[in-house]
ModelCIF file with pLDDT and N, C-alpha, C, O atoms, coordinates in Angstrom:
data_MODEL
#
_entry.id   MODEL 
#
_entity.id                         1 
_entity.type                       polymer 
_entity.pdbx_number_of_molecules   1 
#
_entity_poly.entity_id                      1 
_entity_poly.type                           'polypeptide(L)' 
_entity_poly.nstd_linkage                   no 
_entity_poly.nstd_monomer                   no 
_entity_poly.pdbx_seq_one_letter_code       RDAWWTALFQAAPAGLEVYCDVTTPSEWPNPAQVTMVDLDLDV 
_entity_poly.pdbx_seq_one_letter_code_can   RDAWWTALFQAAPAGLEVYCDVTTPSEWPNPAQVTMVDLDLDV 
_entity_poly.pdbx_strand_id                 A 
#
loop_
_entity_poly_seq.entity_id 
_entity_poly_seq.num 
_entity_poly_seq.mon_id 
_entity_poly_seq.hetero 
1 1  ARG n 
1 2  ASP n 
1 3  ALA n 
1 4  TRP n 
1 5  TRP n 
1 6  THR n 
1 7  ALA n 
1 8  LEU n 
1 9  PHE n 
1 10 GLN n 
1 11 ALA n 
1 12 ALA n 
1 13 PRO n 
1 14 ALA n 
1 15 GLY n 
1 16 LEU n 
1 17 GLU n 
1 18 VAL n 
1 19 TYR n 
1 20 CYS n 
1 21 ASP n 
1 22 VAL n 
1 23 THR n 
1 24 THR n 
1 25 PRO n 
1 26 SER n 
1 27 GLU n 
1 28 TRP n 
1 29 PRO n 
1 30 ASN n 
1 31 PRO n 
1 32 ALA n 
1 33 GLN n 
1 34 VAL n 
1 35 THR n 
1 36 MET n 
1 37 VAL n 
1 38 ASP n 
1 39 LEU n 
1 40 ASP n 
1 41 LEU n 
1 42 ASP n 
1 43 VAL n 
#
_struct_asym.id          A 
_struct_asym.entity_id   1 
#
loop_
_ma_qa_metric.id 
_ma_qa_metric.mode 
_ma_qa_metric.name 
_ma_qa_metric.software_group_id 
_ma_qa_metric.type 
1 global pLDDT . pLDDT 
2 local  pLDDT . pLDDT 
#
_ma_qa_metric_global.metric_id      1 
_ma_qa_metric_global.metric_value   96.23 
_ma_qa_metric_global.model_id       1 
_ma_qa_metric_global.ordinal_id     1 
#
loop_
_ma_qa_metric_local.label_asym_id 
_ma_qa_metric_local.label_comp_id 
_ma_qa_metric_local.label_seq_id 
_ma_qa_metric_local.metric_id 
_ma_qa_metric_local.metric_value 
_ma_qa_metric_local.model_id 
_ma_qa_metric_local.ordinal_id 
A ARG 1  2 94.00 1 1  
A ASP 2  2 94.00 1 2  
A ALA 3  2 98.00 1 3  
A TRP 4  2 98.00 1 4  
A TRP 5  2 98.00 1 5  
A THR 6  2 98.00 1 6  
A ALA 7  2 98.00 1 7  
A LEU 8  2 97.00 1 8  
A PHE 9  2 97.00 1 9  
A GLN 10 2 95.00 1 10 
A ALA 11 2 94.00 1 11 
A ALA 12 2 91.00 1 12 
A PRO 13 2 90.00 1 13 
A ALA 14 2 92.00 1 14 
A GLY 15 2 95.00 1 15 
A LEU 16 2 95.00 1 16 
A GLU 17 2 96.00 1 17 
A VAL 18 2 97.00 1 18 
A TYR 19 2 97.00 1 19 
A CYS 20 2 98.00 1 20 
A ASP 21 2 97.00 1 21 
A VAL 22 2 98.00 1 22 
A THR 23 2 98.00 1 23 
A THR 24 2 98.00 1 24 
A PRO 25 2 98.00 1 25 
A SER 26 2 98.00 1 26 
A GLU 27 2 97.00 1 27 
A TRP 28 2 97.00 1 28 
A PRO 29 2 96.00 1 29 
A ASN 30 2 95.00 1 30 
A PRO 31 2 93.00 1 31 
A ALA 32 2 94.00 1 32 
A GLN 33 2 96.00 1 33 
A VAL 34 2 98.00 1 34 
A THR 35 2 97.00 1 35 
A MET 36 2 98.00 1 36 
A VAL 37 2 97.00 1 37 
A ASP 38 2 97.00 1 38 
A LEU 39 2 97.00 1 39 
A ASP 40 2 95.00 1 40 
A LEU 41 2 97.00 1 41 
A ASP 42 2 97.00 1 42 
A VAL 43 2 98.00 1 43 
#
loop_
_atom_site.group_PDB 
_atom_site.id 
_atom_site.type_symbol 
_atom_site.label_atom_id 
_atom_site.label_alt_id 
_atom_site.label_comp_id 
_atom_site.label_asym_id 
_atom_site.label_entity_id 
_atom_site.label_seq_id 
_atom_site.pdbx_PDB_ins_code 
_atom_site.Cartn_x 
_atom_site.Cartn_y 
_atom_site.Cartn_z 
_atom_site.occupancy 
_atom_site.B_iso_or_equiv 
_atom_site.pdbx_formal_charge 
_atom_site.auth_seq_id 
_atom_site.auth_comp_id 
_atom_site.auth_asym_id 
_atom_site.auth_atom_id 
_atom_site.pdbx_PDB_model_num 
ATOM 1   N N  . ARG A 1 1  ? -6.773  0.317   16.150  1.00 94.00 ? 1  ARG A N  1 
ATOM 2   C CA . ARG A 1 1  ? -6.952  0.157   17.085  1.00 94.00 ? 1  ARG A CA 1 
ATOM 3   C C  . ARG A 1 1  ? -8.100  1.652   17.422  1.00 94.00 ? 1  ARG A C  1 
ATOM 4   O O  . ARG A 1 1  ? -7.371  2.633   17.571  1.00 94.00 ? 1  ARG A O  1 
ATOM 5   N N  . ASP A 1 2  ? -9.595  2.042   17.568  1.00 94.00 ? 2  ASP A N  1 
ATOM 6   C CA . ASP A 1 2  ? -10.232 3.572   18.330  1.00 94.00 ? 2  ASP A CA 1 
ATOM 7   C C  . ASP A 1 2  ? -9.451  4.613   17.227  1.00 94.00 ? 2  ASP A C  1 
ATOM 8   O O  . ASP A 1 2  ? -9.284  5.732   17.711  1.00 94.00 ? 2  ASP A O  1 
ATOM 9   N N  . ALA A 1 3  ? -8.996  4.471   15.987  1.00 98.00 ? 3  ALA A N  1 
ATOM 10  C CA . ALA A 1 3  ? -9.388  5.249   14.973  1.00 98.00 ? 3  ALA A CA 1 
ATOM 11  C C  . ALA A 1 3  ? -10.259 5.353   14.156  1.00 98.00 ? 3  ALA A C  1 
ATOM 12  O O  . ALA A 1 3  ? -10.829 4.298   13.878  1.00 98.00 ? 3  ALA A O  1 
ATOM 13  N N  . TRP A 1 4  ? -10.736 6.644   13.427  1.00 98.00 ? 4  TRP A N  1 
ATOM 14  C CA . TRP A 1 4  ? -11.923 7.125   12.800  1.00 98.00 ? 4  TRP A CA 1 
ATOM 15  C C  . TRP A 1 4  ? -11.612 6.806   10.941  1.00 98.00 ? 4  TRP A C  1 
ATOM 16  O O  . TRP A 1 4  ? -12.209 7.315   9.993   1.00 98.00 ? 4  TRP A O  1 
ATOM 17  N N  . TRP A 1 5  ? -10.511 5.825   10.921  1.00 98.00 ? 5  TRP A N  1 
ATOM 18  C CA . TRP A 1 5  ? -10.324 5.313   9.418   1.00 98.00 ? 5  TRP A CA 1 
ATOM 19  C C  . TRP A 1 5  ? -9.797  3.936   9.920   1.00 98.00 ? 5  TRP A C  1 
ATOM 20  O O  . TRP A 1 5  ? -9.688  3.424   11.035  1.00 98.00 ? 5  TRP A O  1 
ATOM 21  N N  . THR A 1 6  ? -9.386  3.366   8.078   1.00 98.00 ? 6  THR A N  1 
ATOM 22  C CA . THR A 1 6  ? -9.098  2.360   7.791   1.00 98.00 ? 6  THR A CA 1 
ATOM 23  C C  . THR A 1 6  ? -7.987  2.420   6.398   1.00 98.00 ? 6  THR A C  1 
ATOM 24  O O  . THR A 1 6  ? -8.160  3.136   5.412   1.00 98.00 ? 6  THR A O  1 
ATOM 25  N N  . ALA A 1 7  ? -6.977  1.597   6.589   1.00 98.00 ? 7  ALA A N  1 
ATOM 26  C CA . ALA A 1 7  ? -5.995  1.980   5.413   1.00 98.00 ? 7  ALA A CA 1 
ATOM 27  C C  . ALA A 1 7  ? -5.878  0.957   4.677   1.00 98.00 ? 7  ALA A C  1 
ATOM 28  O O  . ALA A 1 7  ? -5.978  -0.060  5.364   1.00 98.00 ? 7  ALA A O  1 
ATOM 29  N N  . LEU A 1 8  ? -5.626  0.637   3.047   1.00 97.00 ? 8  LEU A N  1 
ATOM 30  C CA . LEU A 1 8  ? -5.356  -0.504  2.189   1.00 97.00 ? 8  LEU A CA 1 
ATOM 31  C C  . LEU A 1 8  ? -4.564  0.368   1.586   1.00 97.00 ? 8  LEU A C  1 
ATOM 32  O O  . LEU A 1 8  ? -4.633  1.560   1.287   1.00 97.00 ? 8  LEU A O  1 
ATOM 33  N N  . PHE A 1 9  ? -3.537  -0.781  1.438   1.00 97.00 ? 9  PHE A N  1 
ATOM 34  C CA . PHE A 1 9  ? -2.024  -0.630  0.867   1.00 97.00 ? 9  PHE A CA 1 
ATOM 35  C C  . PHE A 1 9  ? -2.114  -1.577  -0.357  1.00 97.00 ? 9  PHE A C  1 
ATOM 36  O O  . PHE A 1 9  ? -2.545  -2.729  -0.408  1.00 97.00 ? 9  PHE A O  1 
ATOM 37  N N  . GLN A 1 10 ? -1.600  -0.796  -1.321  1.00 95.00 ? 10 GLN A N  1 
ATOM 38  C CA . GLN A 1 10 ? -1.796  -1.654  -2.690  1.00 95.00 ? 10 GLN A CA 1 
ATOM 39  C C  . GLN A 1 10 ? -0.599  -2.352  -3.312  1.00 95.00 ? 10 GLN A C  1 
ATOM 40  O O  . GLN A 1 10 ? 0.100   -1.364  -3.087  1.00 95.00 ? 10 GLN A O  1 
ATOM 41  N N  . ALA A 1 11 ? 0.076   -3.016  -3.777  1.00 94.00 ? 11 ALA A N  1 
ATOM 42  C CA . ALA A 1 11 ? 1.023   -3.078  -4.751  1.00 94.00 ? 11 ALA A CA 1 
ATOM 43  C C  . ALA A 1 11 ? 1.114   -3.062  -6.074  1.00 94.00 ? 11 ALA A C  1 
ATOM 44  O O  . ALA A 1 11 ? 0.171   -3.648  -6.606  1.00 94.00 ? 11 ALA A O  1 
ATOM 45  N N  . ALA A 1 12 ? 1.734   -2.705  -6.656  1.00 91.00 ? 12 ALA A N  1 
ATOM 46  C CA . ALA A 1 12 ? 1.558   -2.250  -8.406  1.00 91.00 ? 12 ALA A CA 1 
ATOM 47  C C  . ALA A 1 12 ? 1.148   -3.726  -8.706  1.00 91.00 ? 12 ALA A C  1 
ATOM 48  O O  . ALA A 1 12 ? 1.479   -4.729  -8.074  1.00 91.00 ? 12 ALA A O  1 
ATOM 49  N N  . PRO A 1 13 ? 0.250   -3.624  -9.960  1.00 90.00 ? 13 PRO A N  1 
ATOM 50  C CA . PRO A 1 13 ? 0.142   -2.527  -10.617 1.00 90.00 ? 13 PRO A CA 1 
ATOM 51  C C  . PRO A 1 13 ? -0.862  -1.139  -10.088 1.00 90.00 ? 13 PRO A C  1 
ATOM 52  O O  . PRO A 1 13 ? -0.813  -0.015  -10.588 1.00 90.00 ? 13 PRO A O  1 
ATOM 53  N N  . ALA A 1 14 ? -1.521  -1.461  -9.248  1.00 92.00 ? 14 ALA A N  1 
ATOM 54  C CA . ALA A 1 14 ? -2.341  -0.445  -8.583  1.00 92.00 ? 14 ALA A CA 1 
ATOM 55  C C  . ALA A 1 14 ? -2.149  0.993   -8.786  1.00 92.00 ? 14 ALA A C  1 
ATOM 56  O O  . ALA A 1 14 ? -1.446  1.627   -7.999  1.00 92.00 ? 14 ALA A O  1 
ATOM 57  N N  . GLY A 1 15 ? -2.661  1.491   -9.674  1.00 95.00 ? 15 GLY A N  1 
ATOM 58  C CA . GLY A 1 15 ? -2.283  3.215   -9.563  1.00 95.00 ? 15 GLY A CA 1 
ATOM 59  C C  . GLY A 1 15 ? -2.517  4.355   -8.113  1.00 95.00 ? 15 GLY A C  1 
ATOM 60  O O  . GLY A 1 15 ? -2.077  5.501   -8.035  1.00 95.00 ? 15 GLY A O  1 
ATOM 61  N N  . LEU A 1 16 ? -3.220  3.719   -7.220  1.00 95.00 ? 16 LEU A N  1 
ATOM 62  C CA . LEU A 1 16 ? -3.506  4.613   -6.151  1.00 95.00 ? 16 LEU A CA 1 
ATOM 63  C C  . LEU A 1 16 ? -2.363  3.351   -4.898  1.00 95.00 ? 16 LEU A C  1 
ATOM 64  O O  . LEU A 1 16 ? -2.763  2.188   -4.858  1.00 95.00 ? 16 LEU A O  1 
ATOM 65  N N  . GLU A 1 17 ? -1.374  3.625   -4.222  1.00 96.00 ? 17 GLU A N  1 
ATOM 66  C CA . GLU A 1 17 ? -0.498  2.662   -3.293  1.00 96.00 ? 17 GLU A CA 1 
ATOM 67  C C  . GLU A 1 17 ? -1.250  2.733   -2.022  1.00 96.00 ? 17 GLU A C  1 
ATOM 68  O O  . GLU A 1 17 ? -1.268  1.794   -1.226  1.00 96.00 ? 17 GLU A O  1 
ATOM 69  N N  . VAL A 1 18 ? -2.012  4.107   -1.794  1.00 97.00 ? 18 VAL A N  1 
ATOM 70  C CA . VAL A 1 18 ? -2.175  3.823   -0.464  1.00 97.00 ? 18 VAL A CA 1 
ATOM 71  C C  . VAL A 1 18 ? -3.928  4.385   -0.292  1.00 97.00 ? 18 VAL A C  1 
ATOM 72  O O  . VAL A 1 18 ? -4.075  5.447   -0.897  1.00 97.00 ? 18 VAL A O  1 
ATOM 73  N N  . TYR A 1 19 ? -4.774  4.064   0.152   1.00 97.00 ? 19 TYR A N  1 
ATOM 74  C CA . TYR A 1 19 ? -6.698  4.044   -0.056  1.00 97.00 ? 19 TYR A CA 1 
ATOM 75  C C  . TYR A 1 19 ? -6.757  3.889   1.353   1.00 97.00 ? 19 TYR A C  1 
ATOM 76  O O  . TYR A 1 19 ? -6.681  2.800   1.921   1.00 97.00 ? 19 TYR A O  1 
ATOM 77  N N  . CYS A 1 20 ? -6.956  5.485   2.166   1.00 98.00 ? 20 CYS A N  1 
ATOM 78  C CA . CYS A 1 20 ? -7.716  5.623   3.174   1.00 98.00 ? 20 CYS A CA 1 
ATOM 79  C C  . CYS A 1 20 ? -8.894  5.398   3.402   1.00 98.00 ? 20 CYS A C  1 
ATOM 80  O O  . CYS A 1 20 ? -9.313  5.848   2.336   1.00 98.00 ? 20 CYS A O  1 
ATOM 81  N N  . ASP A 1 21 ? -9.978  4.999   4.028   1.00 97.00 ? 21 ASP A N  1 
ATOM 82  C CA . ASP A 1 21 ? -11.421 5.578   4.325   1.00 97.00 ? 21 ASP A CA 1 
ATOM 83  C C  . ASP A 1 21 ? -11.585 6.202   5.730   1.00 97.00 ? 21 ASP A C  1 
ATOM 84  O O  . ASP A 1 21 ? -11.153 5.775   6.800   1.00 97.00 ? 21 ASP A O  1 
ATOM 85  N N  . VAL A 1 22 ? -12.295 7.287   5.481   1.00 98.00 ? 22 VAL A N  1 
ATOM 86  C CA . VAL A 1 22 ? -12.345 7.605   6.619   1.00 98.00 ? 22 VAL A CA 1 
ATOM 87  C C  . VAL A 1 22 ? -14.064 7.207   6.976   1.00 98.00 ? 22 VAL A C  1 
ATOM 88  O O  . VAL A 1 22 ? -15.080 7.442   6.322   1.00 98.00 ? 22 VAL A O  1 
ATOM 89  N N  . THR A 1 23 ? -13.814 6.329   8.647   1.00 98.00 ? 23 THR A N  1 
ATOM 90  C CA . THR A 1 23 ? -14.965 5.431   8.698   1.00 98.00 ? 23 THR A CA 1 
ATOM 91  C C  . THR A 1 23 ? -15.163 5.768   10.326  1.00 98.00 ? 23 THR A C  1 
ATOM 92  O O  . THR A 1 23 ? -14.589 6.674   10.930  1.00 98.00 ? 23 THR A O  1 
ATOM 93  N N  . THR A 1 24 ? -16.120 4.813   10.886  1.00 98.00 ? 24 THR A N  1 
ATOM 94  C CA . THR A 1 24 ? -16.519 4.974   12.589  1.00 98.00 ? 24 THR A CA 1 
ATOM 95  C C  . THR A 1 24 ? -15.171 3.826   12.993  1.00 98.00 ? 24 THR A C  1 
ATOM 96  O O  . THR A 1 24 ? -14.696 3.266   12.005  1.00 98.00 ? 24 THR A O  1 
ATOM 97  N N  . PRO A 1 25 ? -14.530 3.447   14.398  1.00 98.00 ? 25 PRO A N  1 
ATOM 98  C CA . PRO A 1 25 ? -13.790 3.109   14.584  1.00 98.00 ? 25 PRO A CA 1 
ATOM 99  C C  . PRO A 1 25 ? -14.268 1.437   14.159  1.00 98.00 ? 25 PRO A C  1 
ATOM 100 O O  . PRO A 1 25 ? -15.344 0.912   14.446  1.00 98.00 ? 25 PRO A O  1 
ATOM 101 N N  . SER A 1 26 ? -13.334 0.927   13.539  1.00 98.00 ? 26 SER A N  1 
ATOM 102 C CA . SER A 1 26 ? -13.736 -0.799  13.541  1.00 98.00 ? 26 SER A CA 1 
ATOM 103 C C  . SER A 1 26 ? -13.746 -1.284  14.896  1.00 98.00 ? 26 SER A C  1 
ATOM 104 O O  . SER A 1 26 ? -13.129 -1.056  15.936  1.00 98.00 ? 26 SER A O  1 
ATOM 105 N N  . GLU A 1 27 ? -14.908 -2.227  14.402  1.00 97.00 ? 27 GLU A N  1 
ATOM 106 C CA . GLU A 1 27 ? -15.528 -2.970  15.653  1.00 97.00 ? 27 GLU A CA 1 
ATOM 107 C C  . GLU A 1 27 ? -15.180 -4.540  15.065  1.00 97.00 ? 27 GLU A C  1 
ATOM 108 O O  . GLU A 1 27 ? -15.010 -4.778  13.869  1.00 97.00 ? 27 GLU A O  1 
ATOM 109 N N  . TRP A 1 28 ? -15.108 -5.588  16.188  1.00 97.00 ? 28 TRP A N  1 
ATOM 110 C CA . TRP A 1 28 ? -14.740 -6.443  15.964  1.00 97.00 ? 28 TRP A CA 1 
ATOM 111 C C  . TRP A 1 28 ? -15.760 -7.765  16.347  1.00 97.00 ? 28 TRP A C  1 
ATOM 112 O O  . TRP A 1 28 ? -15.284 -8.670  17.032  1.00 97.00 ? 28 TRP A O  1 
ATOM 113 N N  . PRO A 1 29 ? -16.864 -7.825  15.985  1.00 96.00 ? 29 PRO A N  1 
ATOM 114 C CA . PRO A 1 29 ? -17.980 -8.830  16.975  1.00 96.00 ? 29 PRO A CA 1 
ATOM 115 C C  . PRO A 1 29 ? -17.809 -10.035 17.084  1.00 96.00 ? 29 PRO A C  1 
ATOM 116 O O  . PRO A 1 29 ? -18.493 -10.785 17.780  1.00 96.00 ? 29 PRO A O  1 
ATOM 117 N N  . ASN A 1 30 ? -16.535 -10.448 16.154  1.00 95.00 ? 30 ASN A N  1 
ATOM 118 C CA . ASN A 1 30 ? -16.014 -12.154 16.734  1.00 95.00 ? 30 ASN A CA 1 
ATOM 119 C C  . ASN A 1 30 ? -14.533 -12.009 16.069  1.00 95.00 ? 30 ASN A C  1 
ATOM 120 O O  . ASN A 1 30 ? -14.184 -10.937 15.575  1.00 95.00 ? 30 ASN A O  1 
ATOM 121 N N  . PRO A 1 31 ? -13.848 -12.932 16.082  1.00 93.00 ? 31 PRO A N  1 
ATOM 122 C CA . PRO A 1 31 ? -12.234 -12.717 15.560  1.00 93.00 ? 31 PRO A CA 1 
ATOM 123 C C  . PRO A 1 31 ? -12.243 -13.378 14.105  1.00 93.00 ? 31 PRO A C  1 
ATOM 124 O O  . PRO A 1 31 ? -11.164 -13.521 13.529  1.00 93.00 ? 31 PRO A O  1 
ATOM 125 N N  . ALA A 1 32 ? -13.338 -13.751 13.545  1.00 94.00 ? 32 ALA A N  1 
ATOM 126 C CA . ALA A 1 32 ? -13.633 -13.992 11.727  1.00 94.00 ? 32 ALA A CA 1 
ATOM 127 C C  . ALA A 1 32 ? -14.762 -12.631 11.304  1.00 94.00 ? 32 ALA A C  1 
ATOM 128 O O  . ALA A 1 32 ? -15.465 -12.907 10.332  1.00 94.00 ? 32 ALA A O  1 
ATOM 129 N N  . GLN A 1 33 ? -14.947 -11.561 11.768  1.00 96.00 ? 33 GLN A N  1 
ATOM 130 C CA . GLN A 1 33 ? -15.391 -10.335 11.239  1.00 96.00 ? 33 GLN A CA 1 
ATOM 131 C C  . GLN A 1 33 ? -15.020 -8.880  11.954  1.00 96.00 ? 33 GLN A C  1 
ATOM 132 O O  . GLN A 1 33 ? -15.033 -8.655  13.164  1.00 96.00 ? 33 GLN A O  1 
ATOM 133 N N  . VAL A 1 34 ? -14.722 -8.048  10.999  1.00 98.00 ? 34 VAL A N  1 
ATOM 134 C CA . VAL A 1 34 ? -14.671 -6.519  11.499  1.00 98.00 ? 34 VAL A CA 1 
ATOM 135 C C  . VAL A 1 34 ? -15.781 -5.686  10.279  1.00 98.00 ? 34 VAL A C  1 
ATOM 136 O O  . VAL A 1 34 ? -16.124 -6.097  9.171   1.00 98.00 ? 34 VAL A O  1 
ATOM 137 N N  . THR A 1 35 ? -16.056 -4.721  10.808  1.00 97.00 ? 35 THR A N  1 
ATOM 138 C CA . THR A 1 35 ? -17.199 -3.850  10.756  1.00 97.00 ? 35 THR A CA 1 
ATOM 139 C C  . THR A 1 35 ? -16.825 -2.620  10.965  1.00 97.00 ? 35 THR A C  1 
ATOM 140 O O  . THR A 1 35 ? -15.884 -2.266  11.674  1.00 97.00 ? 35 THR A O  1 
ATOM 141 N N  . MET A 1 36 ? -17.736 -1.769  10.200  1.00 98.00 ? 36 MET A N  1 
ATOM 142 C CA . MET A 1 36 ? -17.360 -0.366  10.127  1.00 98.00 ? 36 MET A CA 1 
ATOM 143 C C  . MET A 1 36 ? -18.312 0.308   9.125   1.00 98.00 ? 36 MET A C  1 
ATOM 144 O O  . MET A 1 36 ? -18.693 -0.294  8.121   1.00 98.00 ? 36 MET A O  1 
ATOM 145 N N  . VAL A 1 37 ? -18.781 1.866   9.480   1.00 97.00 ? 37 VAL A N  1 
ATOM 146 C CA . VAL A 1 37 ? -19.464 2.303   8.702   1.00 97.00 ? 37 VAL A CA 1 
ATOM 147 C C  . VAL A 1 37 ? -18.674 3.746   7.998   1.00 97.00 ? 37 VAL A C  1 
ATOM 148 O O  . VAL A 1 37 ? -18.155 4.693   8.590   1.00 97.00 ? 37 VAL A O  1 
ATOM 149 N N  . ASP A 1 38 ? -18.805 3.509   6.621   1.00 97.00 ? 38 ASP A N  1 
ATOM 150 C CA . ASP A 1 38 ? -18.143 4.317   5.670   1.00 97.00 ? 38 ASP A CA 1 
ATOM 151 C C  . ASP A 1 38 ? -18.741 5.582   5.766   1.00 97.00 ? 38 ASP A C  1 
ATOM 152 O O  . ASP A 1 38 ? -19.915 5.754   5.439   1.00 97.00 ? 38 ASP A O  1 
ATOM 153 N N  . LEU A 1 39 ? -17.899 6.636   6.263   1.00 97.00 ? 39 LEU A N  1 
ATOM 154 C CA . LEU A 1 39 ? -17.761 8.096   6.236   1.00 97.00 ? 39 LEU A CA 1 
ATOM 155 C C  . LEU A 1 39 ? -18.079 9.032   4.991   1.00 97.00 ? 39 LEU A C  1 
ATOM 156 O O  . LEU A 1 39 ? -18.656 10.118  4.940   1.00 97.00 ? 39 LEU A O  1 
ATOM 157 N N  . ASP A 1 40 ? -17.461 8.181   3.933   1.00 95.00 ? 40 ASP A N  1 
ATOM 158 C CA . ASP A 1 40 ? -17.446 8.938   2.422   1.00 95.00 ? 40 ASP A CA 1 
ATOM 159 C C  . ASP A 1 40 ? -16.011 9.165   1.915   1.00 95.00 ? 40 ASP A C  1 
ATOM 160 O O  . ASP A 1 40 ? -15.479 8.739   0.889   1.00 95.00 ? 40 ASP A O  1 
ATOM 161 N N  . LEU A 1 41 ? -15.352 10.215  3.234   1.00 97.00 ? 41 LEU A N  1 
ATOM 162 C CA . LEU A 1 41 ? -14.106 10.717  2.807   1.00 97.00 ? 41 LEU A CA 1 
ATOM 163 C C  . LEU A 1 41 ? -13.334 9.502   2.610   1.00 97.00 ? 41 LEU A C  1 
ATOM 164 O O  . LEU A 1 41 ? -13.559 8.410   3.131   1.00 97.00 ? 41 LEU A O  1 
ATOM 165 N N  . ASP A 1 42 ? -12.367 9.814   1.775   1.00 97.00 ? 42 ASP A N  1 
ATOM 166 C CA . ASP A 1 42 ? -11.142 9.013   1.405   1.00 97.00 ? 42 ASP A CA 1 
ATOM 167 C C  . ASP A 1 42 ? -9.931  9.500   0.768   1.00 97.00 ? 42 ASP A C  1 
ATOM 168 O O  . ASP A 1 42 ? -9.939  9.975   -0.368  1.00 97.00 ? 42 ASP A O  1 
ATOM 169 N N  . VAL A 1 43 ? -8.660  9.363   1.645   1.00 98.00 ? 43 VAL A N  1 
ATOM 170 C CA . VAL A 1 43 ? -7.762  9.911   1.396   1.00 98.00 ? 43 VAL A CA 1 
ATOM 171 C C  . VAL A 1 43 ? -6.423  9.256   0.737   1.00 98.00 ? 43 VAL A C  1 
ATOM 172 O O  . VAL A 1 43 ? -5.448  9.965   0.488   1.00 98.00 ? 43 VAL A O  1 
#
């Protein structure tokens, strides 16, 4: 909530365990959709 990132956590065999996108804060226009703007940086 109100943060400038999202985080993706992947089980094995994915080489990246955690992949965070720096984004605008997530918005929920309705319960079935979440949207944000990708600001390119990934951690």
